[in-house]
Amino acid sequence: MALTLDDVHRIAHLARIDIDAHAAEQVRAKLDAIFAMIDQLNQVDTQGILPMAHAQDVMLPLRDDVVTASDQRSLYQSLAPAVAEGLYLVPRVIE
């Protein structure tokens, strides 16, 4: 699929890009190279190949999803600069 200069100018207009004739020719050549590479990729036989999310098959170590009772509220509030009645006090940011 070869692009014409009219195609490049139409794409530039849709993208709200001001492009002159010399730059349009350079962009056309680069887009033609990109489309040629895409066509080459489309010709690759992928029959029987499963889709993958990552380029490498990496197994991440996961911990068991176990419910635990971890009440550390008193520890966290002891680290806070200001606490009143179990609530964190913060500086007023809106007057």
PDB file of N, CA and C in Angstrom:
ATOM      1  N   MET A   1       0.843  -1.175   0.000  1.00  0.00           N
ATOM      2  CA  MET A   1       0.000   0.000   0.000  1.00  0.00           C
ATOM      3  C   MET A   1       0.888   1.238   0.000  1.00  0.00           C
ATOM      4  N   ALA A   2       0.925   1.924  -1.090  1.00  0.00           N
ATOM      5  CA  ALA A   2       1.746   3.129  -1.201  1.00  0.00           C
ATOM      6  C   ALA A   2       0.866   4.356  -0.984  1.00  0.00           C
ATOM      7  N   LEU A   3       1.357   5.263  -0.180  1.00  0.00           N
ATOM      8  CA  LEU A   3       0.632   6.500   0.081  1.00  0.00           C
ATOM      9  C   LEU A   3       0.968   7.536  -0.979  1.00  0.00           C
ATOM     10  N   THR A   4       0.003   8.374  -1.268  1.00  0.00           N
ATOM     11  CA  THR A   4       0.247   9.510  -2.153  1.00  0.00           C
ATOM     12  C   THR A   4       0.478  10.750  -1.289  1.00  0.00           C
ATOM     13  N   LEU A   5       0.940  11.808  -1.925  1.00  0.00           N
ATOM     14  CA  LEU A   5       1.123  13.061  -1.193  1.00  0.00           C
ATOM     15  C   LEU A   5      -0.214  13.618  -0.713  1.00  0.00           C
ATOM     16  N   ASP A   6      -1.281  13.352  -1.479  1.00  0.00           N
ATOM     17  CA  ASP A   6      -2.613  13.780  -1.030  1.00  0.00           C
ATOM     18  C   ASP A   6      -2.999  13.065   0.262  1.00  0.00           C
ATOM     19  N   ASP A   7      -2.655  11.765   0.360  1.00  0.00           N
ATOM     20  CA  ASP A   7      -2.924  11.018   1.595  1.00  0.00           C
ATOM     21  C   ASP A   7      -2.182  11.638   2.775  1.00  0.00           C
ATOM     22  N   VAL A   8      -0.925  11.986   2.553  1.00  0.00           N
ATOM     23  CA  VAL A   8      -0.116  12.572   3.624  1.00  0.00           C
ATOM     24  C   VAL A   8      -0.696  13.917   4.048  1.00  0.00           C
ATOM     25  N   HIS A   9      -1.105  14.732   3.085  1.00  0.00           N
ATOM     26  CA  HIS A   9      -1.683  16.034   3.426  1.00  0.00           C
ATOM     27  C   HIS A   9      -3.018  15.865   4.155  1.00  0.00           C
ATOM     28  N   ARG A  10      -3.809  14.873   3.765  1.00  0.00           N
ATOM     29  CA  ARG A  10      -5.085  14.623   4.445  1.00  0.00           C
ATOM     30  C   ARG A  10      -4.843  14.158   5.880  1.00  0.00           C
ATOM     31  N   ILE A  11      -3.870  13.265   6.080  1.00  0.00           N
ATOM     32  CA  ILE A  11      -3.525  12.807   7.432  1.00  0.00           C
ATOM     33  C   ILE A  11      -3.017  13.981   8.265  1.00  0.00           C
ATOM     34  N   ALA A  12      -2.178  14.824   7.670  1.00  0.00           N
ATOM     35  CA  ALA A  12      -1.657  15.991   8.389  1.00  0.00           C
ATOM     36  C   ALA A  12      -2.792  16.938   8.769  1.00  0.00           C
ATOM     37  N   HIS A  13      -3.751  17.106   7.872  1.00  0.00           N
ATOM     38  CA  HIS A  13      -4.897  17.969   8.177  1.00  0.00           C
ATOM     39  C   HIS A  13      -5.714  17.391   9.329  1.00  0.00           C
ATOM     40  N   LEU A  14      -5.958  16.089   9.310  1.00  0.00           N
ATOM     41  CA  LEU A  14      -6.720  15.451  10.387  1.00  0.00           C
ATOM     42  C   LEU A  14      -5.994  15.545  11.721  1.00  0.00           C
ATOM     43  N   ALA A  15      -4.664  15.500  11.671  1.00  0.00           N
ATOM     44  CA  ALA A  15      -3.858  15.594  12.893  1.00  0.00           C
ATOM     45  C   ALA A  15      -3.571  17.047  13.264  1.00  0.00           C
ATOM     46  N   ARG A  16      -4.093  17.980  12.480  1.00  0.00           N
ATOM     47  CA  ARG A  16      -3.875  19.410  12.709  1.00  0.00           C
ATOM     48  C   ARG A  16      -2.390  19.756  12.705  1.00  0.00           C
ATOM     49  N   ILE A  17      -1.683  19.194  11.706  1.00  0.00           N
ATOM     50  CA  ILE A  17      -0.256  19.452  11.541  1.00  0.00           C
ATOM     51  C   ILE A  17      -0.066  20.223  10.241  1.00  0.00           C
ATOM     52  N   ASP A  18       0.644  21.331  10.307  1.00  0.00           N
ATOM     53  CA  ASP A  18       0.958  22.103   9.106  1.00  0.00           C
ATOM     54  C   ASP A  18       2.235  21.524   8.508  1.00  0.00           C
ATOM     55  N   ILE A  19       2.155  21.079   7.270  1.00  0.00           N
ATOM     56  CA  ILE A  19       3.293  20.396   6.651  1.00  0.00           C
ATOM     57  C   ILE A  19       3.513  20.971   5.252  1.00  0.00           C
ATOM     58  N   ASP A  20       4.769  21.240   4.910  1.00  0.00           N
ATOM     59  CA  ASP A  20       5.062  21.757   3.575  1.00  0.00           C
ATOM     60  C   ASP A  20       5.342  20.592   2.623  1.00  0.00           C
ATOM     61  N   ALA A  21       5.550  20.898   1.351  1.00  0.00           N
ATOM     62  CA  ALA A  21       5.703  19.863   0.328  1.00  0.00           C
ATOM     63  C   ALA A  21       6.943  19.007   0.558  1.00  0.00           C
ATOM     64  N   HIS A  22       8.057  19.627   0.955  1.00  0.00           N
ATOM     65  CA  HIS A  22       9.294  18.874   1.180  1.00  0.00           C
ATOM     66  C   HIS A  22       9.136  17.911   2.358  1.00  0.00           C
ATOM     67  N   ALA A  23       8.560  18.403   3.450  1.00  0.00           N
ATOM     68  CA  ALA A  23       8.354  17.550   4.626  1.00  0.00           C
ATOM     69  C   ALA A  23       7.336  16.456   4.325  1.00  0.00           C
ATOM     70  N   ALA A  24       6.328  16.766   3.510  1.00  0.00           N
ATOM     71  CA  ALA A  24       5.315  15.768   3.158  1.00  0.00           C
ATOM     72  C   ALA A  24       5.948  14.601   2.410  1.00  0.00           C
ATOM     73  N   GLU A  25       6.891  14.884   1.538  1.00  0.00           N
ATOM     74  CA  GLU A  25       7.570  13.814   0.799  1.00  0.00           C
ATOM     75  C   GLU A  25       8.394  12.946   1.742  1.00  0.00           C
ATOM     76  N   GLN A  26       9.066  13.565   2.708  1.00  0.00           N
ATOM     77  CA  GLN A  26       9.838  12.787   3.685  1.00  0.00           C
ATOM     78  C   GLN A  26       8.920  11.922   4.548  1.00  0.00           C
ATOM     79  N   VAL A  27       7.807  12.492   4.977  1.00  0.00           N
ATOM     80  CA  VAL A  27       6.849  11.741   5.797  1.00  0.00           C
ATOM     81  C   VAL A  27       6.257  10.595   4.988  1.00  0.00           C
ATOM     82  N   ARG A  28       5.952  10.847   3.710  1.00  0.00           N
ATOM     83  CA  ARG A  28       5.394   9.797   2.856  1.00  0.00           C
ATOM     84  C   ARG A  28       6.355   8.622   2.749  1.00  0.00           C
ATOM     85  N   ALA A  29       7.637   8.905   2.575  1.00  0.00           N
ATOM     86  CA  ALA A  29       8.636   7.838   2.468  1.00  0.00           C
ATOM     87  C   ALA A  29       8.727   7.049   3.773  1.00  0.00           C
ATOM     88  N   LYS A  30       8.692   7.745   4.906  1.00  0.00           N
ATOM     89  CA  LYS A  30       8.770   7.055   6.198  1.00  0.00           C
ATOM     90  C   LYS A  30       7.517   6.217   6.457  1.00  0.00           C
ATOM     91  N   LEU A  31       6.344   6.768   6.125  1.00  0.00           N
ATOM     92  CA  LEU A  31       5.107   6.006   6.319  1.00  0.00           C
ATOM     93  C   LEU A  31       5.059   4.791   5.397  1.00  0.00           C
ATOM     94  N   ASP A  32       5.548   4.936   4.165  1.00  0.00           N
ATOM     95  CA  ASP A  32       5.611   3.784   3.255  1.00  0.00           C
ATOM     96  C   ASP A  32       6.496   2.687   3.832  1.00  0.00           C
ATOM     97  N   ALA A  33       7.615   3.056   4.451  1.00  0.00           N
ATOM     98  CA  ALA A  33       8.501   2.063   5.067  1.00  0.00           C
ATOM     99  C   ALA A  33       7.811   1.377   6.242  1.00  0.00           C
ATOM    100  N   ILE A  34       7.066   2.147   7.026  1.00  0.00           N
ATOM    101  CA  ILE A  34       6.341   1.562   8.160  1.00  0.00           C
ATOM    102  C   ILE A  34       5.276   0.594   7.664  1.00  0.00           C
ATOM    103  N   PHE A  35       4.507   0.998   6.642  1.00  0.00           N
ATOM    104  CA  PHE A  35       3.470   0.117   6.109  1.00  0.00           C
ATOM    105  C   PHE A  35       4.069  -1.130   5.468  1.00  0.00           C
ATOM    106  N   ALA A  36       5.240  -1.014   4.858  1.00  0.00           N
ATOM    107  CA  ALA A  36       5.907  -2.189   4.284  1.00  0.00           C
ATOM    108  C   ALA A  36       6.291  -3.170   5.386  1.00  0.00           C
ATOM    109  N   MET A  37       6.766  -2.653   6.512  1.00  0.00           N
ATOM    110  CA  MET A  37       7.116  -3.530   7.624  1.00  0.00           C
ATOM    111  C   MET A  37       5.870  -4.194   8.205  1.00  0.00           C
ATOM    112  N   ILE A  38       4.774  -3.451   8.301  1.00  0.00           N
ATOM    113  CA  ILE A  38       3.525  -4.029   8.799  1.00  0.00           C
ATOM    114  C   ILE A  38       3.042  -5.121   7.861  1.00  0.00           C
ATOM    115  N   ASP A  39       3.128  -4.899   6.554  1.00  0.00           N
ATOM    116  CA  ASP A  39       2.745  -5.933   5.589  1.00  0.00           C
ATOM    117  C   ASP A  39       3.610  -7.174   5.748  1.00  0.00           C
ATOM    118  N   GLN A  40       4.902  -6.973   5.998  1.00  0.00           N
ATOM    119  CA  GLN A  40       5.805  -8.105   6.206  1.00  0.00           C
ATOM    120  C   GLN A  40       5.406  -8.880   7.464  1.00  0.00           C
ATOM    121  N   LEU A  41       5.052  -8.176   8.531  1.00  0.00           N
ATOM    122  CA  LEU A  41       4.614  -8.841   9.757  1.00  0.00           C
ATOM    123  C   LEU A  41       3.304  -9.593   9.546  1.00  0.00           C
ATOM    124  N   ASN A  42       2.410  -9.036   8.730  1.00  0.00           N
ATOM    125  CA  ASN A  42       1.133  -9.696   8.467  1.00  0.00           C
ATOM    126  C   ASN A  42       1.307 -10.989   7.677  1.00  0.00           C
ATOM    127  N   GLN A  43       2.423 -11.155   6.972  1.00  0.00           N
ATOM    128  CA  GLN A  43       2.658 -12.357   6.185  1.00  0.00           C
ATOM    129  C   GLN A  43       3.210 -13.513   7.014  1.00  0.00           C
ATOM    130  N   VAL A  44       3.600 -13.253   8.250  1.00  0.00           N
ATOM    131  CA  VAL A  44       4.154 -14.300   9.107  1.00  0.00           C
ATOM    132  C   VAL A  44       3.044 -15.267   9.492  1.00  0.00           C
ATOM    133  N   ASP A  45       3.326 -16.570   9.371  1.00  0.00           N
ATOM    134  CA  ASP A  45       2.350 -17.600   9.732  1.00  0.00           C
ATOM    135  C   ASP A  45       2.325 -17.752  11.253  1.00  0.00           C
ATOM    136  N   THR A  46       1.217 -17.376  11.862  1.00  0.00           N
ATOM    137  CA  THR A  46       1.075 -17.477  13.315  1.00  0.00           C
ATOM    138  C   THR A  46       0.066 -18.548  13.705  1.00  0.00           C
ATOM    139  N   GLN A  47      -0.262 -19.420  12.780  1.00  0.00           N
ATOM    140  CA  GLN A  47      -1.220 -20.491  13.057  1.00  0.00           C
ATOM    141  C   GLN A  47      -0.673 -21.403  14.152  1.00  0.00           C
ATOM    142  N   GLY A  48      -1.452 -21.618  15.190  1.00  0.00           N
ATOM    143  CA  GLY A  48      -1.049 -22.510  16.269  1.00  0.00           C
ATOM    144  C   GLY A  48      -0.209 -21.851  17.345  1.00  0.00           C
ATOM    145  N   ILE A  49       0.073 -20.580  17.213  1.00  0.00           N
ATOM    146  CA  ILE A  49       0.856 -19.875  18.225  1.00  0.00           C
ATOM    147  C   ILE A  49      -0.109 -19.141  19.149  1.00  0.00           C
ATOM    148  N   LEU A  50       0.018 -19.406  20.441  1.00  0.00           N
ATOM    149  CA  LEU A  50      -0.873 -18.785  21.407  1.00  0.00           C
ATOM    150  C   LEU A  50      -0.493 -17.327  21.630  1.00  0.00           C
ATOM    151  N   PRO A  51      -1.489 -16.460  21.787  1.00  0.00           N
ATOM    152  CA  PRO A  51      -1.180 -15.065  22.104  1.00  0.00           C
ATOM    153  C   PRO A  51      -0.500 -14.966  23.459  1.00  0.00           C
ATOM    154  N   MET A  52       0.324 -13.952  23.626  1.00  0.00           N
ATOM    155  CA  MET A  52       1.015 -13.785  24.898  1.00  0.00           C
ATOM    156  C   MET A  52       0.967 -12.324  25.326  1.00  0.00           C
ATOM    157  N   ALA A  53       1.086 -12.118  26.632  1.00  0.00           N
ATOM    158  CA  ALA A  53       1.019 -10.767  27.171  1.00  0.00           C
ATOM    159  C   ALA A  53       2.394 -10.122  27.245  1.00  0.00           C
ATOM    160  N   HIS A  54       3.443 -10.927  27.335  1.00  0.00           N
ATOM    161  CA  HIS A  54       4.797 -10.403  27.477  1.00  0.00           C
ATOM    162  C   HIS A  54       5.733 -11.139  26.522  1.00  0.00           C
ATOM    163  N   ALA A  55       6.813 -10.495  26.178  1.00  0.00           N
ATOM    164  CA  ALA A  55       7.775 -11.098  25.256  1.00  0.00           C
ATOM    165  C   ALA A  55       8.520 -12.258  25.890  1.00  0.00           C
ATOM    166  N   GLN A  56       8.653 -12.237  27.204  1.00  0.00           N
ATOM    167  CA  GLN A  56       9.334 -13.320  27.909  1.00  0.00           C
ATOM    168  C   GLN A  56       8.329 -14.052  28.782  1.00  0.00           C
ATOM    169  N   ASP A  57       8.495 -15.355  28.893  1.00  0.00           N
ATOM    170  CA  ASP A  57       7.611 -16.154  29.729  1.00  0.00           C
ATOM    171  C   ASP A  57       8.126 -16.097  31.162  1.00  0.00           C
ATOM    172  N   VAL A  58       7.621 -15.142  31.919  1.00  0.00           N
ATOM    173  CA  VAL A  58       8.094 -14.916  33.282  1.00  0.00           C
ATOM    174  C   VAL A  58       6.996 -15.308  34.254  1.00  0.00           C
ATOM    175  N   MET A  59       7.353 -16.124  35.220  1.00  0.00           N
ATOM    176  CA  MET A  59       6.413 -16.495  36.276  1.00  0.00           C
ATOM    177  C   MET A  59       6.772 -15.693  37.518  1.00  0.00           C
ATOM    178  N   LEU A  60       5.849 -14.884  37.978  1.00  0.00           N
ATOM    179  CA  LEU A  60       6.093 -14.074  39.161  1.00  0.00           C
ATOM    180  C   LEU A  60       5.701 -14.856  40.406  1.00  0.00           C
ATOM    181  N   PRO A  61       6.517 -14.782  41.444  1.00  0.00           N
ATOM    182  CA  PRO A  61       6.152 -15.477  42.679  1.00  0.00           C
ATOM    183  C   PRO A  61       4.969 -14.775  43.337  1.00  0.00           C
ATOM    184  N   LEU A  62       3.956 -15.533  43.666  1.00  0.00           N
ATOM    185  CA  LEU A  62       2.770 -14.982  44.298  1.00  0.00           C
ATOM    186  C   LEU A  62       2.601 -15.592  45.675  1.00  0.00           C
ATOM    187  N   ARG A  63       2.164 -14.794  46.610  1.00  0.00           N
ATOM    188  CA  ARG A  63       1.896 -15.333  47.943  1.00  0.00           C
ATOM    189  C   ARG A  63       0.465 -15.842  47.970  1.00  0.00           C
ATOM    190  N   ASP A  64       0.174 -16.706  48.925  1.00  0.00           N
ATOM    191  CA  ASP A  64      -1.186 -17.198  49.084  1.00  0.00           C
ATOM    192  C   ASP A  64      -2.093 -16.055  49.513  1.00  0.00           C
ATOM    193  N   ASP A  65      -3.296 -16.050  48.990  1.00  0.00           N
ATOM    194  CA  ASP A  65      -4.268 -15.024  49.334  1.00  0.00           C
ATOM    195  C   ASP A  65      -5.000 -15.464  50.598  1.00  0.00           C
ATOM    196  N   VAL A  66      -4.443 -15.066  51.729  1.00  0.00           N
ATOM    197  CA  VAL A  66      -4.966 -15.491  53.022  1.00  0.00           C
ATOM    198  C   VAL A  66      -5.409 -14.261  53.801  1.00  0.00           C
ATOM    199  N   VAL A  67      -6.597 -14.351  54.395  1.00  0.00           N
ATOM    200  CA  VAL A  67      -7.096 -13.250  55.214  1.00  0.00           C
ATOM    201  C   VAL A  67      -6.355 -13.258  56.537  1.00  0.00           C
ATOM    202  N   THR A  68      -5.829 -12.107  56.923  1.00  0.00           N
ATOM    203  CA  THR A  68      -5.132 -11.989  58.203  1.00  0.00           C
ATOM    204  C   THR A  68      -5.702 -10.802  58.963  1.00  0.00           C
ATOM    205  N   ALA A  69      -5.666 -10.894  60.256  1.00  0.00           N
ATOM    206  CA  ALA A  69      -6.112  -9.785  61.101  1.00  0.00           C
ATOM    207  C   ALA A  69      -4.892  -8.948  61.436  1.00  0.00           C
ATOM    208  N   SER A  70      -4.780  -7.817  60.796  1.00  0.00           N
ATOM    209  CA  SER A  70      -3.605  -6.979  60.987  1.00  0.00           C
ATOM    210  C   SER A  70      -4.053  -5.579  61.376  1.00  0.00           C
ATOM    211  N   ASP A  71      -4.434  -5.405  62.624  1.00  0.00           N
ATOM    212  CA  ASP A  71      -4.866  -4.095  63.101  1.00  0.00           C
ATOM    213  C   ASP A  71      -3.658  -3.352  63.655  1.00  0.00           C
ATOM    214  N   GLN A  72      -3.139  -2.438  62.868  1.00  0.00           N
ATOM    215  CA  GLN A  72      -1.981  -1.658  63.297  1.00  0.00           C
ATOM    216  C   GLN A  72      -2.337  -0.179  63.404  1.00  0.00           C
ATOM    217  N   ARG A  73      -3.605   0.088  63.677  1.00  0.00           N
ATOM    218  CA  ARG A  73      -4.065   1.472  63.754  1.00  0.00           C
ATOM    219  C   ARG A  73      -3.313   2.265  64.822  1.00  0.00           C
ATOM    220  N   SER A  74      -3.141   1.674  65.993  1.00  0.00           N
ATOM    221  CA  SER A  74      -2.459   2.401  67.068  1.00  0.00           C
ATOM    222  C   SER A  74      -1.001   2.697  66.692  1.00  0.00           C
ATOM    223  N   LEU A  75      -0.350   1.768  65.998  1.00  0.00           N
ATOM    224  CA  LEU A  75       1.022   2.012  65.550  1.00  0.00           C
ATOM    225  C   LEU A  75       1.065   3.170  64.558  1.00  0.00           C
ATOM    226  N   TYR A  76       0.161   3.143  63.578  1.00  0.00           N
ATOM    227  CA  TYR A  76       0.144   4.202  62.567  1.00  0.00           C
ATOM    228  C   TYR A  76      -0.196   5.556  63.180  1.00  0.00           C
ATOM    229  N   GLN A  77      -1.124   5.581  64.118  1.00  0.00           N
ATOM    230  CA  GLN A  77      -1.488   6.856  64.733  1.00  0.00           C
ATOM    231  C   GLN A  77      -0.381   7.380  65.640  1.00  0.00           C
ATOM    232  N   SER A  78       0.413   6.482  66.183  1.00  0.00           N
ATOM    233  CA  SER A  78       1.538   6.954  66.998  1.00  0.00           C
ATOM    234  C   SER A  78       2.609   7.625  66.133  1.00  0.00           C
ATOM    235  N   LEU A  79       2.634   7.299  64.851  1.00  0.00           N
ATOM    236  CA  LEU A  79       3.602   7.904  63.932  1.00  0.00           C
ATOM    237  C   LEU A  79       3.101   9.217  63.329  1.00  0.00           C
ATOM    238  N   ALA A  80       1.789   9.471  63.422  1.00  0.00           N
ATOM    239  CA  ALA A  80       1.209  10.671  62.819  1.00  0.00           C
ATOM    240  C   ALA A  80       1.566  11.908  63.635  1.00  0.00           C
ATOM    241  N   PRO A  81       1.732  13.050  62.962  1.00  0.00           N
ATOM    242  CA  PRO A  81       2.070  14.273  63.694  1.00  0.00           C
ATOM    243  C   PRO A  81       0.941  14.760  64.599  1.00  0.00           C
ATOM    244  N   ALA A  82      -0.330  14.544  64.199  1.00  0.00           N
ATOM    245  CA  ALA A  82      -1.449  15.014  65.025  1.00  0.00           C
ATOM    246  C   ALA A  82      -2.638  14.074  64.871  1.00  0.00           C
ATOM    247  N   VAL A  83      -3.207  13.662  66.021  1.00  0.00           N
ATOM    248  CA  VAL A  83      -4.353  12.746  66.037  1.00  0.00           C
ATOM    249  C   VAL A  83      -5.321  13.241  67.103  1.00  0.00           C
ATOM    250  N   ALA A  84      -6.627  13.159  66.806  1.00  0.00           N
ATOM    251  CA  ALA A  84      -7.643  13.505  67.803  1.00  0.00           C
ATOM    252  C   ALA A  84      -8.827  12.565  67.636  1.00  0.00           C
ATOM    253  N   GLU A  85      -9.225  11.907  68.709  1.00  0.00           N
ATOM    254  CA  GLU A  85     -10.369  10.995  68.732  1.00  0.00           C
ATOM    255  C   GLU A  85     -10.259   9.921  67.649  1.00  0.00           C
ATOM    256  N   GLY A  86      -9.062   9.406  67.430  1.00  0.00           N
ATOM    257  CA  GLY A  86      -8.858   8.339  66.455  1.00  0.00           C
ATOM    258  C   GLY A  86      -8.772   8.805  65.014  1.00  0.00           C
ATOM    259  N   LEU A  87      -8.766  10.104  64.782  1.00  0.00           N
ATOM    260  CA  LEU A  87      -8.700  10.649  63.421  1.00  0.00           C
ATOM    261  C   LEU A  87      -7.374  11.375  63.220  1.00  0.00           C
ATOM    262  N   TYR A  88      -6.888  11.350  61.994  1.00  0.00           N
ATOM    263  CA  TYR A  88      -5.661  12.066  61.656  1.00  0.00           C
ATOM    264  C   TYR A  88      -6.004  13.530  61.409  1.00  0.00           C
ATOM    265  N   LEU A  89      -5.279  14.425  62.029  1.00  0.00           N
ATOM    266  CA  LEU A  89      -5.474  15.857  61.819  1.00  0.00           C
ATOM    267  C   LEU A  89      -4.467  16.342  60.779  1.00  0.00           C
ATOM    268  N   VAL A  90      -4.996  17.034  59.777  1.00  0.00           N
ATOM    269  CA  VAL A  90      -4.144  17.542  58.697  1.00  0.00           C
ATOM    270  C   VAL A  90      -4.337  19.046  58.590  1.00  0.00           C
ATOM    271  N   PRO A  91      -3.369  19.762  58.038  1.00  0.00           N
ATOM    272  CA  PRO A  91      -3.515  21.212  57.892  1.00  0.00           C
ATOM    273  C   PRO A  91      -4.645  21.559  56.921  1.00  0.00           C
ATOM    274  N   ARG A  92      -5.319  22.654  57.187  1.00  0.00           N
ATOM    275  CA  ARG A  92      -6.382  23.119  56.299  1.00  0.00           C
ATOM    276  C   ARG A  92      -5.748  23.604  54.994  1.00  0.00           C
ATOM    277  N   VAL A  93      -6.303  23.165  53.871  1.00  0.00           N
ATOM    278  CA  VAL A  93      -5.756  23.578  52.576  1.00  0.00           C
ATOM    279  C   VAL A  93      -6.711  24.491  51.827  1.00  0.00           C
ATOM    280  N   ILE A  94      -7.975  24.527  52.222  1.00  0.00           N
ATOM    281  CA  ILE A  94      -8.952  25.403  51.580  1.00  0.00           C
ATOM    282  C   ILE A  94      -9.483  26.355  52.640  1.00  0.00           C
ATOM    283  N   GLU A  95      -9.392  27.627  52.378  1.00  0.00           N
ATOM    284  CA  GLU A  95      -9.865  28.638  53.338  1.00  0.00           C
ATOM    285  C   GLU A  95     -11.325  28.905  53.127  1.00  0.00           C
TER     286      GLU A  95
END
